[in-house]
mmCIF file of all heavy atoms, coordinates in Angstrom:
data_MODEL
# 
_entry.id   MODEL 
# 
loop_
_atom_site.group_PDB 
_atom_site.id 
_atom_site.type_symbol 
_atom_site.label_atom_id 
_atom_site.label_alt_id 
_atom_site.label_comp_id 
_atom_site.label_asym_id 
_atom_site.label_entity_id 
_atom_site.label_seq_id 
_atom_site.pdbx_PDB_ins_code 
_atom_site.Cartn_x 
_atom_site.Cartn_y 
_atom_site.Cartn_z 
_atom_site.occupancy 
_atom_site.B_iso_or_equiv 
_atom_site.pdbx_formal_charge 
_atom_site.auth_seq_id 
_atom_site.auth_comp_id 
_atom_site.auth_asym_id 
_atom_site.auth_atom_id 
_atom_site.pdbx_PDB_model_num 
ATOM 1   N N   . ALA A 1 1  ? 10.552 -0.914 -0.934 1.00 0.00 ? 1  ALA A N   1 
ATOM 2   C CA  . ALA A 1 1  ? 10.343 0.359  -0.226 1.00 0.00 ? 1  ALA A CA  1 
ATOM 3   C C   . ALA A 1 1  ? 9.104  1.039  -0.802 1.00 0.00 ? 1  ALA A C   1 
ATOM 4   O O   . ALA A 1 1  ? 8.644  0.697  -1.901 1.00 0.00 ? 1  ALA A O   1 
ATOM 5   C CB  . ALA A 1 1  ? 11.561 1.257  -0.366 1.00 0.00 ? 1  ALA A CB  1 
ATOM 6   N N   . ILE A 1 2  ? 8.571  1.995  -0.057 1.00 0.00 ? 2  ILE A N   1 
ATOM 7   C CA  . ILE A 1 2  ? 7.443  2.798  -0.529 1.00 0.00 ? 2  ILE A CA  1 
ATOM 8   C C   . ILE A 1 2  ? 7.712  4.262  -0.182 1.00 0.00 ? 2  ILE A C   1 
ATOM 9   O O   . ILE A 1 2  ? 8.521  4.565  0.701  1.00 0.00 ? 2  ILE A O   1 
ATOM 10  C CB  . ILE A 1 2  ? 6.094  2.338  0.073  1.00 0.00 ? 2  ILE A CB  1 
ATOM 11  C CG1 . ILE A 1 2  ? 6.134  2.392  1.609  1.00 0.00 ? 2  ILE A CG1 1 
ATOM 12  C CG2 . ILE A 1 2  ? 5.726  0.946  -0.416 1.00 0.00 ? 2  ILE A CG2 1 
ATOM 13  C CD1 . ILE A 1 2  ? 4.805  2.048  2.273  1.00 0.00 ? 2  ILE A CD1 1 
ATOM 14  N N   . ILE A 1 3  ? 7.023  5.154  -0.887 1.00 0.00 ? 3  ILE A N   1 
ATOM 15  C CA  . ILE A 1 3  ? 7.177  6.589  -0.649 1.00 0.00 ? 3  ILE A CA  1 
ATOM 16  C C   . ILE A 1 3  ? 5.879  7.136  -0.059 1.00 0.00 ? 3  ILE A C   1 
ATOM 17  O O   . ILE A 1 3  ? 4.808  6.973  -0.652 1.00 0.00 ? 3  ILE A O   1 
ATOM 18  C CB  . ILE A 1 3  ? 7.505  7.344  -1.953 1.00 0.00 ? 3  ILE A CB  1 
ATOM 19  C CG1 . ILE A 1 3  ? 8.806  6.820  -2.556 1.00 0.00 ? 3  ILE A CG1 1 
ATOM 20  C CG2 . ILE A 1 3  ? 7.621  8.844  -1.688 1.00 0.00 ? 3  ILE A CG2 1 
ATOM 21  C CD1 . ILE A 1 3  ? 9.125  7.398  -3.930 1.00 0.00 ? 3  ILE A CD1 1 
ATOM 22  N N   . LEU A 1 4  ? 5.983  7.762  1.112  1.00 0.00 ? 4  LEU A N   1 
ATOM 23  C CA  . LEU A 1 4  ? 4.814  8.320  1.796  1.00 0.00 ? 4  LEU A CA  1 
ATOM 24  C C   . LEU A 1 4  ? 5.128  9.718  2.315  1.00 0.00 ? 4  LEU A C   1 
ATOM 25  O O   . LEU A 1 4  ? 6.255  9.985  2.760  1.00 0.00 ? 4  LEU A O   1 
ATOM 26  C CB  . LEU A 1 4  ? 4.389  7.435  2.969  1.00 0.00 ? 4  LEU A CB  1 
ATOM 27  C CG  . LEU A 1 4  ? 3.817  6.050  2.644  1.00 0.00 ? 4  LEU A CG  1 
ATOM 28  C CD1 . LEU A 1 4  ? 3.695  5.220  3.906  1.00 0.00 ? 4  LEU A CD1 1 
ATOM 29  C CD2 . LEU A 1 4  ? 2.461  6.177  1.960  1.00 0.00 ? 4  LEU A CD2 1 
ATOM 30  N N   . GLU A 1 5  ? 4.134  10.601 2.261  1.00 0.00 ? 5  GLU A N   1 
ATOM 31  C CA  . GLU A 1 5  ? 4.283  11.945 2.801  1.00 0.00 ? 5  GLU A CA  1 
ATOM 32  C C   . GLU A 1 5  ? 4.095  11.903 4.316  1.00 0.00 ? 5  GLU A C   1 
ATOM 33  O O   . GLU A 1 5  ? 3.479  10.981 4.853  1.00 0.00 ? 5  GLU A O   1 
ATOM 34  C CB  . GLU A 1 5  ? 3.234  12.861 2.155  1.00 0.00 ? 5  GLU A CB  1 
ATOM 35  C CG  . GLU A 1 5  ? 3.646  14.318 2.048  1.00 0.00 ? 5  GLU A CG  1 
ATOM 36  C CD  . GLU A 1 5  ? 3.371  15.098 3.315  1.00 0.00 ? 5  GLU A CD  1 
ATOM 37  O OE1 . GLU A 1 5  ? 2.403  14.754 4.022  1.00 0.00 ? 5  GLU A OE1 1 
ATOM 38  O OE2 . GLU A 1 5  ? 4.113  16.051 3.595  1.00 0.00 ? 5  GLU A OE2 1 
ATOM 39  N N   . ASP A 1 6  ? 4.640  12.890 5.032  1.00 0.00 ? 6  ASP A N   1 
ATOM 40  C CA  . ASP A 1 6  ? 4.563  12.925 6.502  1.00 0.00 ? 6  ASP A CA  1 
ATOM 41  C C   . ASP A 1 6  ? 3.142  12.700 7.018  1.00 0.00 ? 6  ASP A C   1 
ATOM 42  O O   . ASP A 1 6  ? 2.921  11.928 7.959  1.00 0.00 ? 6  ASP A O   1 
ATOM 43  C CB  . ASP A 1 6  ? 5.069  14.277 7.023  1.00 0.00 ? 6  ASP A CB  1 
ATOM 44  C CG  . ASP A 1 6  ? 6.580  14.316 7.160  1.00 0.00 ? 6  ASP A CG  1 
ATOM 45  O OD1 . ASP A 1 6  ? 7.228  13.276 6.957  1.00 0.00 ? 6  ASP A OD1 1 
ATOM 46  O OD2 . ASP A 1 6  ? 7.111  15.402 7.464  1.00 0.00 ? 6  ASP A OD2 1 
ATOM 47  N N   . ALA A 1 7  ? 2.178  13.425 6.433  1.00 0.00 ? 7  ALA A N   1 
ATOM 48  C CA  . ALA A 1 7  ? 0.796  13.330 6.909  1.00 0.00 ? 7  ALA A CA  1 
ATOM 49  C C   . ALA A 1 7  ? 0.228  11.933 6.696  1.00 0.00 ? 7  ALA A C   1 
ATOM 50  O O   . ALA A 1 7  ? -0.551 11.436 7.516  1.00 0.00 ? 7  ALA A O   1 
ATOM 51  C CB  . ALA A 1 7  ? -0.072 14.374 6.199  1.00 0.00 ? 7  ALA A CB  1 
ATOM 52  N N   . GLN A 1 8  ? 0.608  11.283 5.602  1.00 0.00 ? 8  GLN A N   1 
ATOM 53  C CA  . GLN A 1 8  ? 0.148  9.906  5.350  1.00 0.00 ? 8  GLN A CA  1 
ATOM 54  C C   . GLN A 1 8  ? 0.705  8.949  6.400  1.00 0.00 ? 8  GLN A C   1 
ATOM 55  O O   . GLN A 1 8  ? -0.001 8.051  6.873  1.00 0.00 ? 8  GLN A O   1 
ATOM 56  C CB  . GLN A 1 8  ? 0.563  9.476  3.946  1.00 0.00 ? 8  GLN A CB  1 
ATOM 57  C CG  . GLN A 1 8  ? -0.128 10.274 2.845  1.00 0.00 ? 8  GLN A CG  1 
ATOM 58  C CD  . GLN A 1 8  ? 0.483  10.064 1.474  1.00 0.00 ? 8  GLN A CD  1 
ATOM 59  O OE1 . GLN A 1 8  ? 1.667  9.751  1.356  1.00 0.00 ? 8  GLN A OE1 1 
ATOM 60  N NE2 . GLN A 1 8  ? -0.325 10.235 0.437  1.00 0.00 ? 8  GLN A NE2 1 
ATOM 61  N N   . LEU A 1 9  ? 1.948  9.177  6.790  1.00 0.00 ? 9  LEU A N   1 
ATOM 62  C CA  . LEU A 1 9  ? 2.534  8.364  7.859  1.00 0.00 ? 9  LEU A CA  1 
ATOM 63  C C   . LEU A 1 9  ? 1.815  8.585  9.187  1.00 0.00 ? 9  LEU A C   1 
ATOM 64  O O   . LEU A 1 9  ? 1.621  7.651  9.968  1.00 0.00 ? 9  LEU A O   1 
ATOM 65  C CB  . LEU A 1 9  ? 4.021  8.690  8.014  1.00 0.00 ? 9  LEU A CB  1 
ATOM 66  C CG  . LEU A 1 9  ? 4.975  7.992  7.046  1.00 0.00 ? 9  LEU A CG  1 
ATOM 67  C CD1 . LEU A 1 9  ? 6.365  8.580  7.152  1.00 0.00 ? 9  LEU A CD1 1 
ATOM 68  C CD2 . LEU A 1 9  ? 5.016  6.485  7.305  1.00 0.00 ? 9  LEU A CD2 1 
ATOM 69  N N   . SER A 1 10 ? 1.396  9.836  9.428  1.00 0.00 ? 10 SER A N   1 
ATOM 70  C CA  . SER A 1 10 ? 0.664  10.140 10.662 1.00 0.00 ? 10 SER A CA  1 
ATOM 71  C C   . SER A 1 10 ? -0.668 9.398  10.698 1.00 0.00 ? 10 SER A C   1 
ATOM 72  O O   . SER A 1 10 ? -1.101 8.928  11.759 1.00 0.00 ? 10 SER A O   1 
ATOM 73  C CB  . SER A 1 10 ? 0.417  11.652 10.774 1.00 0.00 ? 10 SER A CB  1 
ATOM 74  O OG  . SER A 1 10 ? 1.632  12.347 10.874 1.00 0.00 ? 10 SER A OG  1 
ATOM 75  N N   . ILE A 1 11 ? -1.312 9.287  9.549  1.00 0.00 ? 11 ILE A N   1 
ATOM 76  C CA  . ILE A 1 11 ? -2.576 8.554  9.475  1.00 0.00 ? 11 ILE A CA  1 
ATOM 77  C C   . ILE A 1 11 ? -2.350 7.077  9.786  1.00 0.00 ? 11 ILE A C   1 
ATOM 78  O O   . ILE A 1 11 ? -3.115 6.453  10.531 1.00 0.00 ? 11 ILE A O   1 
ATOM 79  C CB  . ILE A 1 11 ? -3.217 8.715  8.075  1.00 0.00 ? 11 ILE A CB  1 
ATOM 80  C CG1 . ILE A 1 11 ? -3.626 10.172 7.840  1.00 0.00 ? 11 ILE A CG1 1 
ATOM 81  C CG2 . ILE A 1 11 ? -4.444 7.813  7.927  1.00 0.00 ? 11 ILE A CG2 1 
ATOM 82  C CD1 . ILE A 1 11 ? -4.059 10.465 6.426  1.00 0.00 ? 11 ILE A CD1 1 
ATOM 83  N N   . ILE A 1 12 ? -1.287 6.501  9.223  1.00 0.00 ? 12 ILE A N   1 
ATOM 84  C CA  . ILE A 1 12 ? -0.972 5.089  9.487  1.00 0.00 ? 12 ILE A CA  1 
ATOM 85  C C   . ILE A 1 12 ? -0.694 4.877  10.976 1.00 0.00 ? 12 ILE A C   1 
ATOM 86  O O   . ILE A 1 12 ? -1.167 3.909  11.578 1.00 0.00 ? 12 ILE A O   1 
ATOM 87  C CB  . ILE A 1 12 ? 0.241  4.644  8.639  1.00 0.00 ? 12 ILE A CB  1 
ATOM 88  C CG1 . ILE A 1 12 ? -0.110 4.691  7.156  1.00 0.00 ? 12 ILE A CG1 1 
ATOM 89  C CG2 . ILE A 1 12 ? 0.688  3.235  9.029  1.00 0.00 ? 12 ILE A CG2 1 
ATOM 90  C CD1 . ILE A 1 12 ? 1.081  4.547  6.237  1.00 0.00 ? 12 ILE A CD1 1 
ATOM 91  N N   . GLU A 1 13 ? 0.046  5.808  11.576 1.00 0.00 ? 13 GLU A N   1 
ATOM 92  C CA  . GLU A 1 13 ? 0.348  5.696  13.005 1.00 0.00 ? 13 GLU A CA  1 
ATOM 93  C C   . GLU A 1 13 ? -0.935 5.716  13.834 1.00 0.00 ? 13 GLU A C   1 
ATOM 94  O O   . GLU A 1 13 ? -1.060 4.989  14.823 1.00 0.00 ? 13 GLU A O   1 
ATOM 95  C CB  . GLU A 1 13 ? 1.269  6.833  13.432 1.00 0.00 ? 13 GLU A CB  1 
ATOM 96  C CG  . GLU A 1 13 ? 1.682  6.763  14.892 1.00 0.00 ? 13 GLU A CG  1 
ATOM 97  C CD  . GLU A 1 13 ? 2.588  7.902  15.291 1.00 0.00 ? 13 GLU A CD  1 
ATOM 98  O OE1 . GLU A 1 13 ? 2.681  8.904  14.544 1.00 0.00 ? 13 GLU A OE1 1 
ATOM 99  O OE2 . GLU A 1 13 ? 3.201  7.812  16.380 1.00 0.00 ? 13 GLU A OE2 1 
ATOM 100 N N   . GLU A 1 14 ? -1.903 6.542  13.425 1.00 0.00 ? 14 GLU A N   1 
ATOM 101 C CA  . GLU A 1 14 ? -3.153 6.676  14.169 1.00 0.00 ? 14 GLU A CA  1 
ATOM 102 C C   . GLU A 1 14 ? -4.090 5.500  13.933 1.00 0.00 ? 14 GLU A C   1 
ATOM 103 O O   . GLU A 1 14 ? -4.742 5.024  14.860 1.00 0.00 ? 14 GLU A O   1 
ATOM 104 C CB  . GLU A 1 14 ? -3.843 7.976  13.741 1.00 0.00 ? 14 GLU A CB  1 
ATOM 105 C CG  . GLU A 1 14 ? -5.118 8.282  14.517 1.00 0.00 ? 14 GLU A CG  1 
ATOM 106 C CD  . GLU A 1 14 ? -5.716 9.612  14.106 1.00 0.00 ? 14 GLU A CD  1 
ATOM 107 O OE1 . GLU A 1 14 ? -5.164 10.664 14.490 1.00 0.00 ? 14 GLU A OE1 1 
ATOM 108 O OE2 . GLU A 1 14 ? -6.729 9.606  13.390 1.00 0.00 ? 14 GLU A OE2 1 
ATOM 109 N N   . GLU A 1 15 ? -4.143 5.015  12.702 1.00 0.00 ? 15 GLU A N   1 
ATOM 110 C CA  . GLU A 1 15 ? -5.132 3.997  12.337 1.00 0.00 ? 15 GLU A CA  1 
ATOM 111 C C   . GLU A 1 15 ? -4.602 2.569  12.383 1.00 0.00 ? 15 GLU A C   1 
ATOM 112 O O   . GLU A 1 15 ? -5.383 1.618  12.482 1.00 0.00 ? 15 GLU A O   1 
ATOM 113 C CB  . GLU A 1 15 ? -5.669 4.284  10.919 1.00 0.00 ? 15 GLU A CB  1 
ATOM 114 C CG  . GLU A 1 15 ? -6.270 5.667  10.730 1.00 0.00 ? 15 GLU A CG  1 
ATOM 115 C CD  . GLU A 1 15 ? -7.549 5.856  11.512 1.00 0.00 ? 15 GLU A CD  1 
ATOM 116 O OE1 . GLU A 1 15 ? -8.122 4.841  11.972 1.00 0.00 ? 15 GLU A OE1 1 
ATOM 117 O OE2 . GLU A 1 15 ? -7.989 7.017  11.670 1.00 0.00 ? 15 GLU A OE2 1 
ATOM 118 N N   . ASN A 1 16 ? -3.282 2.379  12.271 1.00 0.00 ? 16 ASN A N   1 
ATOM 119 C CA  . ASN A 1 16 ? -2.731 1.018  12.185 1.00 0.00 ? 16 ASN A CA  1 
ATOM 120 C C   . ASN A 1 16 ? -1.366 0.977  12.868 1.00 0.00 ? 16 ASN A C   1 
ATOM 121 O O   . ASN A 1 16 ? -0.318 0.855  12.216 1.00 0.00 ? 16 ASN A O   1 
ATOM 122 C CB  . ASN A 1 16 ? -2.623 0.608  10.718 1.00 0.00 ? 16 ASN A CB  1 
ATOM 123 C CG  . ASN A 1 16 ? -2.379 -0.876 10.540 1.00 0.00 ? 16 ASN A CG  1 
ATOM 124 O OD1 . ASN A 1 16 ? -1.970 -1.563 11.471 1.00 0.00 ? 16 ASN A OD1 1 
ATOM 125 N ND2 . ASN A 1 16 ? -2.616 -1.380 9.335  1.00 0.00 ? 16 ASN A ND2 1 
ATOM 126 N N   . LYS A 1 17 ? -1.375 1.064  14.200 1.00 0.00 ? 17 LYS A N   1 
ATOM 127 C CA  . LYS A 1 17 ? -0.123 1.151  14.951 1.00 0.00 ? 17 LYS A CA  1 
ATOM 128 C C   . LYS A 1 17 ? 0.744  -0.097 14.796 1.00 0.00 ? 17 LYS A C   1 
ATOM 129 O O   . LYS A 1 17 ? 1.970  -0.020 14.800 1.00 0.00 ? 17 LYS A O   1 
ATOM 130 C CB  . LYS A 1 17 ? -0.427 1.395  16.437 1.00 0.00 ? 17 LYS A CB  1 
ATOM 131 C CG  . LYS A 1 17 ? -0.853 2.830  16.725 1.00 0.00 ? 17 LYS A CG  1 
ATOM 132 C CD  . LYS A 1 17 ? -0.894 3.104  18.204 1.00 0.00 ? 17 LYS A CD  1 
ATOM 133 C CE  . LYS A 1 17 ? -1.243 4.574  18.462 1.00 0.00 ? 17 LYS A CE  1 
ATOM 134 N NZ  . LYS A 1 17 ? -1.282 4.882  19.907 1.00 0.00 ? 17 LYS A NZ  1 
ATOM 135 N N   . GLU A 1 18 ? 0.099  -1.245 14.662 1.00 0.00 ? 18 GLU A N   1 
ATOM 136 C CA  . GLU A 1 18 ? 0.850  -2.499 14.533 1.00 0.00 ? 18 GLU A CA  1 
ATOM 137 C C   . GLU A 1 18 ? 1.731  -2.467 13.286 1.00 0.00 ? 18 GLU A C   1 
ATOM 138 O O   . GLU A 1 18 ? 2.905  -2.835 13.328 1.00 0.00 ? 18 GLU A O   1 
ATOM 139 C CB  . GLU A 1 18 ? -0.126 -3.676 14.462 1.00 0.00 ? 18 GLU A CB  1 
ATOM 140 C CG  . GLU A 1 18 ? 0.566  -5.034 14.437 1.00 0.00 ? 18 GLU A CG  1 
ATOM 141 C CD  . GLU A 1 18 ? -0.417 -6.191 14.389 1.00 0.00 ? 18 GLU A CD  1 
ATOM 142 O OE1 . GLU A 1 18 ? -1.611 -5.970 14.671 1.00 0.00 ? 18 GLU A OE1 1 
ATOM 143 O OE2 . GLU A 1 18 ? 0.014  -7.305 14.050 1.00 0.00 ? 18 GLU A OE2 1 
ATOM 144 N N   . THR A 1 19 ? 1.166  -2.010 12.187 1.00 0.00 ? 19 THR A N   1 
ATOM 145 C CA  . THR A 1 19 ? 1.941  -1.895 10.944 1.00 0.00 ? 19 THR A CA  1 
ATOM 146 C C   . THR A 1 19 ? 2.978  -0.787 11.059 1.00 0.00 ? 19 THR A C   1 
ATOM 147 O O   . THR A 1 19 ? 4.127  -0.938 10.601 1.00 0.00 ? 19 THR A O   1 
ATOM 148 C CB  . THR A 1 19 ? 1.008  -1.615 9.748  1.00 0.00 ? 19 THR A CB  1 
ATOM 149 O OG1 . THR A 1 19 ? 0.119  -2.721 9.591  1.00 0.00 ? 19 THR A OG1 1 
ATOM 150 C CG2 . THR A 1 19 ? 1.799  -1.419 8.466  1.00 0.00 ? 19 THR A CG2 1 
ATOM 151 N N   . TYR A 1 20 ? 2.587  0.325  11.668 1.00 0.00 ? 20 TYR A N   1 
ATOM 152 C CA  . TYR A 1 20 ? 3.489  1.464  11.785 1.00 0.00 ? 20 TYR A CA  1 
ATOM 153 C C   . TYR A 1 20 ? 4.774  1.084  12.523 1.00 0.00 ? 20 TYR A C   1 
ATOM 154 O O   . TYR A 1 20 ? 5.864  1.565  12.174 1.00 0.00 ? 20 TYR A O   1 
ATOM 155 C CB  . TYR A 1 20 ? 2.787  2.608  12.511 1.00 0.00 ? 20 TYR A CB  1 
ATOM 156 C CG  . TYR A 1 20 ? 3.603  3.869  12.606 1.00 0.00 ? 20 TYR A CG  1 
ATOM 157 C CD1 . TYR A 1 20 ? 3.713  4.734  11.522 1.00 0.00 ? 20 TYR A CD1 1 
ATOM 158 C CD2 . TYR A 1 20 ? 4.286  4.197  13.783 1.00 0.00 ? 20 TYR A CD2 1 
ATOM 159 C CE1 . TYR A 1 20 ? 4.469  5.890  11.597 1.00 0.00 ? 20 TYR A CE1 1 
ATOM 160 C CE2 . TYR A 1 20 ? 5.046  5.349  13.872 1.00 0.00 ? 20 TYR A CE2 1 
ATOM 161 C CZ  . TYR A 1 20 ? 5.138  6.187  12.773 1.00 0.00 ? 20 TYR A CZ  1 
ATOM 162 O OH  . TYR A 1 20 ? 5.901  7.334  12.854 1.00 0.00 ? 20 TYR A OH  1 
ATOM 163 N N   . GLU A 1 21 ? 4.663  0.227  13.500 1.00 0.00 ? 21 GLU A N   1 
ATOM 164 C CA  . GLU A 1 21 ? 5.840  -0.183 14.277 1.00 0.00 ? 21 GLU A CA  1 
ATOM 165 C C   . GLU A 1 21 ? 6.776  -1.089 13.491 1.00 0.00 ? 21 GLU A C   1 
ATOM 166 O O   . GLU A 1 21 ? 7.914  -1.323 13.899 1.00 0.00 ? 21 GLU A O   1 
ATOM 167 C CB  . GLU A 1 21 ? 5.384  -0.861 15.567 1.00 0.00 ? 21 GLU A CB  1 
ATOM 168 C CG  . GLU A 1 21 ? 4.757  0.113  16.558 1.00 0.00 ? 21 GLU A CG  1 
ATOM 169 C CD  . GLU A 1 21 ? 4.152  -0.582 17.770 1.00 0.00 ? 21 GLU A CD  1 
ATOM 170 O OE1 . GLU A 1 21 ? 4.188  -1.834 17.798 1.00 0.00 ? 21 GLU A OE1 1 
ATOM 171 O OE2 . GLU A 1 21 ? 3.648  0.115  18.665 1.00 0.00 ? 21 GLU A OE2 1 
ATOM 172 N N   . LYS A 1 22 ? 6.324  -1.609 12.350 1.00 0.00 ? 22 LYS A N   1 
ATOM 173 C CA  . LYS A 1 22 ? 7.151  -2.511 11.541 1.00 0.00 ? 22 LYS A CA  1 
ATOM 174 C C   . LYS A 1 22 ? 7.955  -1.774 10.472 1.00 0.00 ? 22 LYS A C   1 
ATOM 175 O O   . LYS A 1 22 ? 8.788  -2.374 9.798  1.00 0.00 ? 22 LYS A O   1 
ATOM 176 C CB  . LYS A 1 22 ? 6.265  -3.563 10.856 1.00 0.00 ? 22 LYS A CB  1 
ATOM 177 C CG  . LYS A 1 22 ? 5.583  -4.529 11.808 1.00 0.00 ? 22 LYS A CG  1 
ATOM 178 C CD  . LYS A 1 22 ? 4.703  -5.506 11.036 1.00 0.00 ? 22 LYS A CD  1 
ATOM 179 C CE  . LYS A 1 22 ? 3.986  -6.468 11.990 1.00 0.00 ? 22 LYS A CE  1 
ATOM 180 N NZ  . LYS A 1 22 ? 3.103  -7.408 11.259 1.00 0.00 ? 22 LYS A NZ  1 
ATOM 181 N N   . ILE A 1 23 ? 7.693  -0.481 10.305 1.00 0.00 ? 23 ILE A N   1 
ATOM 182 C CA  . ILE A 1 23 ? 8.346  0.264  9.235  1.00 0.00 ? 23 ILE A CA  1 
ATOM 183 C C   . ILE A 1 23 ? 9.257  1.351  9.793  1.00 0.00 ? 23 ILE A C   1 
ATOM 184 O O   . ILE A 1 23 ? 9.156  1.735  10.951 1.00 0.00 ? 23 ILE A O   1 
ATOM 185 C CB  . ILE A 1 23 ? 7.301  0.895  8.284  1.00 0.00 ? 23 ILE A CB  1 
ATOM 186 C CG1 . ILE A 1 23 ? 6.387  1.864  9.036  1.00 0.00 ? 23 ILE A CG1 1 
ATOM 187 C CG2 . ILE A 1 23 ? 6.482  -0.189 7.595  1.00 0.00 ? 23 ILE A CG2 1 
ATOM 188 C CD1 . ILE A 1 23 ? 5.353  2.570  8.170  1.00 0.00 ? 23 ILE A CD1 1 
ATOM 189 N N   . GLU A 1 24 ? 10.163 1.834  8.937  1.00 0.00 ? 24 GLU A N   1 
ATOM 190 C CA  . GLU A 1 24 ? 11.056 2.921  9.339  1.00 0.00 ? 24 GLU A CA  1 
ATOM 191 C C   . GLU A 1 24 ? 11.395 3.787  8.132  1.00 0.00 ? 24 GLU A C   1 
ATOM 192 O O   . GLU A 1 24 ? 11.347 3.343  6.979  1.00 0.00 ? 24 GLU A O   1 
ATOM 193 C CB  . GLU A 1 24 ? 12.330 2.378  9.970  1.00 0.00 ? 24 GLU A CB  1 
ATOM 194 C CG  . GLU A 1 24 ? 13.206 1.574  9.036  1.00 0.00 ? 24 GLU A CG  1 
ATOM 195 C CD  . GLU A 1 24 ? 14.486 1.096  9.702  1.00 0.00 ? 24 GLU A CD  1 
ATOM 196 O OE1 . GLU A 1 24 ? 14.789 1.599  10.803 1.00 0.00 ? 24 GLU A OE1 1 
ATOM 197 O OE2 . GLU A 1 24 ? 15.182 0.249  9.113  1.00 0.00 ? 24 GLU A OE2 1 
# 
């Protein structure tokens, strides 16, 4: 597991959607 802040997750969603869809 990893720890990420909300805004960091938003950046991942914007910049790397393929990876974002693999995590929860």
